[in-house]
Amino acid sequence: MISFYFPLFIYPFENDARWTQIARSQIHYLKDDVRTVLEYANYELVAEAYSAKGFYIKSLENKDTIFQEALNIS
């Protein structure tokens, strides 16, 4: 097994369970959001599947604590 060491990589992104950029135009022109609504996914588990540590920020109130925890484990 090959493993790569990245000391810290923070990639925050929104999980709104839809392809919002595509949905905007599609709903406007087709009046339908078919195939743009997705299931919610636990993306923090993807990081763990690659032997990294993933975090889930449920609200902006706890973001500073989670970012600090990420820095502490790096």
N, C-alpha and C. Protein backbone atom coordinates (compact mmCIF):
# COMPACT_ATOMS: atom_id res chain seq x y z
N MET A 1 0.84 -1.18 0.00
CA MET A 1 0.00 0.00 0.00
C MET A 1 0.88 1.25 0.00
N ILE A 2 0.58 2.18 -0.85
CA ILE A 2 1.32 3.43 -0.93
C ILE A 2 0.55 4.49 -0.15
N SER A 3 1.28 5.23 0.67
CA SER A 3 0.65 6.28 1.47
C SER A 3 1.40 7.58 1.24
N PHE A 4 0.68 8.65 1.13
CA PHE A 4 1.28 9.97 0.96
C PHE A 4 1.02 10.78 2.22
N TYR A 5 1.99 11.57 2.61
CA TYR A 5 1.86 12.38 3.81
C TYR A 5 1.60 13.83 3.42
N PHE A 6 0.44 14.32 3.76
CA PHE A 6 0.10 15.73 3.60
C PHE A 6 -0.13 16.27 5.00
N PRO A 7 0.67 17.21 5.46
CA PRO A 7 0.56 17.65 6.85
C PRO A 7 -0.80 18.24 7.22
N LEU A 8 -1.37 19.04 6.35
CA LEU A 8 -2.68 19.62 6.64
C LEU A 8 -3.33 20.04 5.34
N PHE A 9 -4.53 19.62 5.18
CA PHE A 9 -5.30 20.00 4.00
C PHE A 9 -6.73 20.24 4.46
N ILE A 10 -7.14 21.48 4.42
CA ILE A 10 -8.50 21.82 4.84
C ILE A 10 -9.27 22.22 3.60
N TYR A 11 -10.36 21.52 3.36
CA TYR A 11 -11.21 21.81 2.22
C TYR A 11 -12.65 21.90 2.68
N PRO A 12 -13.06 23.09 3.09
CA PRO A 12 -14.47 23.23 3.50
C PRO A 12 -15.37 23.37 2.27
N PHE A 13 -16.48 22.68 2.29
CA PHE A 13 -17.44 22.84 1.21
C PHE A 13 -18.84 22.60 1.75
N GLU A 14 -19.78 23.11 1.03
CA GLU A 14 -21.18 23.01 1.44
C GLU A 14 -21.78 21.74 0.88
N ASN A 15 -22.49 21.05 1.72
CA ASN A 15 -23.18 19.84 1.29
C ASN A 15 -24.68 20.14 1.31
N ASP A 16 -25.18 20.67 0.22
CA ASP A 16 -26.60 21.03 0.17
C ASP A 16 -27.44 19.94 -0.50
N ALA A 17 -26.81 18.82 -0.80
CA ALA A 17 -27.49 17.66 -1.40
C ALA A 17 -28.21 17.98 -2.70
N ARG A 18 -27.59 18.81 -3.51
CA ARG A 18 -28.12 19.04 -4.85
C ARG A 18 -27.04 19.72 -5.69
N TRP A 19 -27.17 19.61 -6.96
CA TRP A 19 -26.30 20.32 -7.88
C TRP A 19 -26.91 21.68 -8.10
N THR A 20 -26.66 22.58 -7.19
CA THR A 20 -27.35 23.87 -7.15
C THR A 20 -27.10 24.70 -8.41
N GLN A 21 -25.87 24.75 -8.86
CA GLN A 21 -25.56 25.57 -10.04
C GLN A 21 -26.33 25.07 -11.26
N ILE A 22 -26.40 23.78 -11.43
CA ILE A 22 -27.14 23.21 -12.55
C ILE A 22 -28.64 23.38 -12.34
N ALA A 23 -29.07 23.17 -11.10
CA ALA A 23 -30.51 23.25 -10.80
C ALA A 23 -31.08 24.64 -11.09
N ARG A 24 -30.31 25.69 -10.81
CA ARG A 24 -30.82 27.05 -11.05
C ARG A 24 -31.29 27.23 -12.49
N SER A 25 -30.45 26.90 -13.42
CA SER A 25 -30.81 27.05 -14.84
C SER A 25 -31.88 26.06 -15.25
N GLN A 26 -31.74 24.85 -14.78
CA GLN A 26 -32.69 23.82 -15.18
C GLN A 26 -34.10 24.15 -14.69
N ILE A 27 -34.22 24.59 -13.47
CA ILE A 27 -35.55 24.94 -12.93
C ILE A 27 -36.12 26.13 -13.69
N HIS A 28 -35.25 27.08 -14.01
CA HIS A 28 -35.70 28.26 -14.74
C HIS A 28 -36.25 27.89 -16.12
N TYR A 29 -35.52 27.06 -16.86
CA TYR A 29 -35.92 26.74 -18.23
C TYR A 29 -36.89 25.57 -18.32
N LEU A 30 -36.69 24.55 -17.51
CA LEU A 30 -37.50 23.34 -17.63
C LEU A 30 -38.61 23.24 -16.58
N LYS A 31 -38.55 24.13 -15.61
CA LYS A 31 -39.54 24.11 -14.50
C LYS A 31 -39.52 22.78 -13.77
N ASP A 32 -38.33 22.17 -13.67
CA ASP A 32 -38.20 20.87 -13.03
C ASP A 32 -36.77 20.72 -12.49
N ASP A 33 -36.64 20.12 -11.32
CA ASP A 33 -35.31 19.91 -10.75
C ASP A 33 -34.86 18.45 -10.86
N VAL A 34 -35.44 17.71 -11.79
CA VAL A 34 -35.13 16.30 -11.94
C VAL A 34 -33.62 16.09 -12.11
N ARG A 35 -33.10 15.08 -11.42
CA ARG A 35 -31.70 14.66 -11.46
C ARG A 35 -30.72 15.68 -10.89
N THR A 36 -31.21 16.68 -10.16
CA THR A 36 -30.29 17.61 -9.50
C THR A 36 -30.38 17.49 -7.98
N VAL A 37 -31.38 16.81 -7.47
CA VAL A 37 -31.52 16.60 -6.03
C VAL A 37 -30.79 15.31 -5.67
N LEU A 38 -29.89 15.40 -4.71
CA LEU A 38 -29.05 14.27 -4.33
C LEU A 38 -29.34 13.86 -2.89
N GLU A 39 -28.81 12.73 -2.50
CA GLU A 39 -28.88 12.30 -1.10
C GLU A 39 -27.76 13.01 -0.34
N TYR A 40 -28.01 13.31 0.93
CA TYR A 40 -26.95 13.86 1.76
C TYR A 40 -25.87 12.81 1.96
N ALA A 41 -24.63 13.23 1.96
CA ALA A 41 -23.51 12.30 2.14
C ALA A 41 -22.62 12.79 3.27
N ASN A 42 -21.99 11.86 3.94
CA ASN A 42 -21.05 12.19 5.01
C ASN A 42 -19.65 12.26 4.41
N TYR A 43 -19.30 13.42 3.86
CA TYR A 43 -18.03 13.56 3.19
C TYR A 43 -16.84 13.46 4.13
N GLU A 44 -17.07 13.71 5.41
CA GLU A 44 -15.97 13.56 6.37
C GLU A 44 -15.52 12.10 6.47
N LEU A 45 -16.42 11.18 6.14
CA LEU A 45 -16.06 9.76 6.16
C LEU A 45 -15.20 9.38 4.95
N VAL A 46 -15.30 10.13 3.88
CA VAL A 46 -14.44 9.89 2.72
C VAL A 46 -12.99 10.13 3.11
N ALA A 47 -12.74 11.21 3.85
CA ALA A 47 -11.38 11.50 4.31
C ALA A 47 -10.86 10.35 5.16
N GLU A 48 -11.69 9.84 6.04
CA GLU A 48 -11.27 8.74 6.91
C GLU A 48 -11.00 7.46 6.11
N ALA A 49 -11.71 7.28 5.02
CA ALA A 49 -11.46 6.12 4.16
C ALA A 49 -10.08 6.18 3.52
N TYR A 50 -9.53 7.40 3.40
CA TYR A 50 -8.18 7.59 2.86
C TYR A 50 -7.17 7.80 3.97
N SER A 51 -7.47 7.32 5.17
CA SER A 51 -6.58 7.41 6.34
C SER A 51 -6.31 8.83 6.77
N ALA A 52 -7.25 9.71 6.55
CA ALA A 52 -7.14 11.10 7.00
C ALA A 52 -8.19 11.33 8.09
N LYS A 53 -8.25 12.51 8.60
CA LYS A 53 -9.26 12.85 9.60
C LYS A 53 -10.25 13.81 8.95
N GLY A 54 -11.51 13.45 8.98
CA GLY A 54 -12.55 14.31 8.44
C GLY A 54 -13.36 14.93 9.56
N PHE A 55 -13.87 16.11 9.32
CA PHE A 55 -14.67 16.82 10.31
C PHE A 55 -15.99 17.24 9.68
N TYR A 56 -17.00 17.31 10.51
CA TYR A 56 -18.32 17.76 10.08
C TYR A 56 -18.68 19.01 10.87
N ILE A 57 -18.89 20.10 10.17
CA ILE A 57 -19.29 21.35 10.81
C ILE A 57 -20.78 21.51 10.61
N LYS A 58 -21.52 21.32 11.69
CA LYS A 58 -22.97 21.37 11.60
C LYS A 58 -23.49 22.80 11.56
N SER A 59 -22.82 23.69 12.27
CA SER A 59 -23.21 25.10 12.25
C SER A 59 -21.96 25.95 12.37
N LEU A 60 -22.07 27.19 11.99
CA LEU A 60 -20.92 28.08 12.04
C LEU A 60 -20.48 28.39 13.47
N GLU A 61 -21.33 28.09 14.42
CA GLU A 61 -20.98 28.35 15.82
C GLU A 61 -19.79 27.50 16.28
N ASN A 62 -19.63 26.31 15.74
CA ASN A 62 -18.53 25.46 16.19
C ASN A 62 -17.38 25.37 15.19
N LYS A 63 -17.37 26.20 14.17
CA LYS A 63 -16.33 26.11 13.14
C LYS A 63 -14.95 26.41 13.69
N ASP A 64 -14.82 27.41 14.57
CA ASP A 64 -13.50 27.76 15.11
C ASP A 64 -12.91 26.61 15.92
N THR A 65 -13.73 25.94 16.69
CA THR A 65 -13.27 24.81 17.49
C THR A 65 -12.80 23.68 16.58
N ILE A 66 -13.54 23.41 15.54
CA ILE A 66 -13.17 22.32 14.63
C ILE A 66 -11.92 22.66 13.84
N PHE A 67 -11.80 23.91 13.37
CA PHE A 67 -10.57 24.29 12.66
C PHE A 67 -9.36 24.20 13.59
N GLN A 68 -9.52 24.58 14.84
CA GLN A 68 -8.41 24.48 15.79
C GLN A 68 -8.04 23.02 16.03
N GLU A 69 -9.04 22.14 16.13
CA GLU A 69 -8.77 20.72 16.30
C GLU A 69 -8.01 20.17 15.09
N ALA A 70 -8.38 20.61 13.89
CA ALA A 70 -7.68 20.18 12.68
C ALA A 70 -6.23 20.63 12.72
N LEU A 71 -6.00 21.85 13.15
CA LEU A 71 -4.62 22.36 13.24
C LEU A 71 -3.83 21.58 14.29
N ASN A 72 -4.48 21.23 15.39
CA ASN A 72 -3.78 20.53 16.47
C ASN A 72 -3.33 19.13 16.06
N ILE A 73 -4.07 18.46 15.20
CA ILE A 73 -3.68 17.09 14.82
C ILE A 73 -2.74 17.06 13.62
N SER A 74 -2.52 18.21 13.01
CA SER A 74 -1.65 18.23 11.82
C SER A 74 -0.18 18.17 12.21
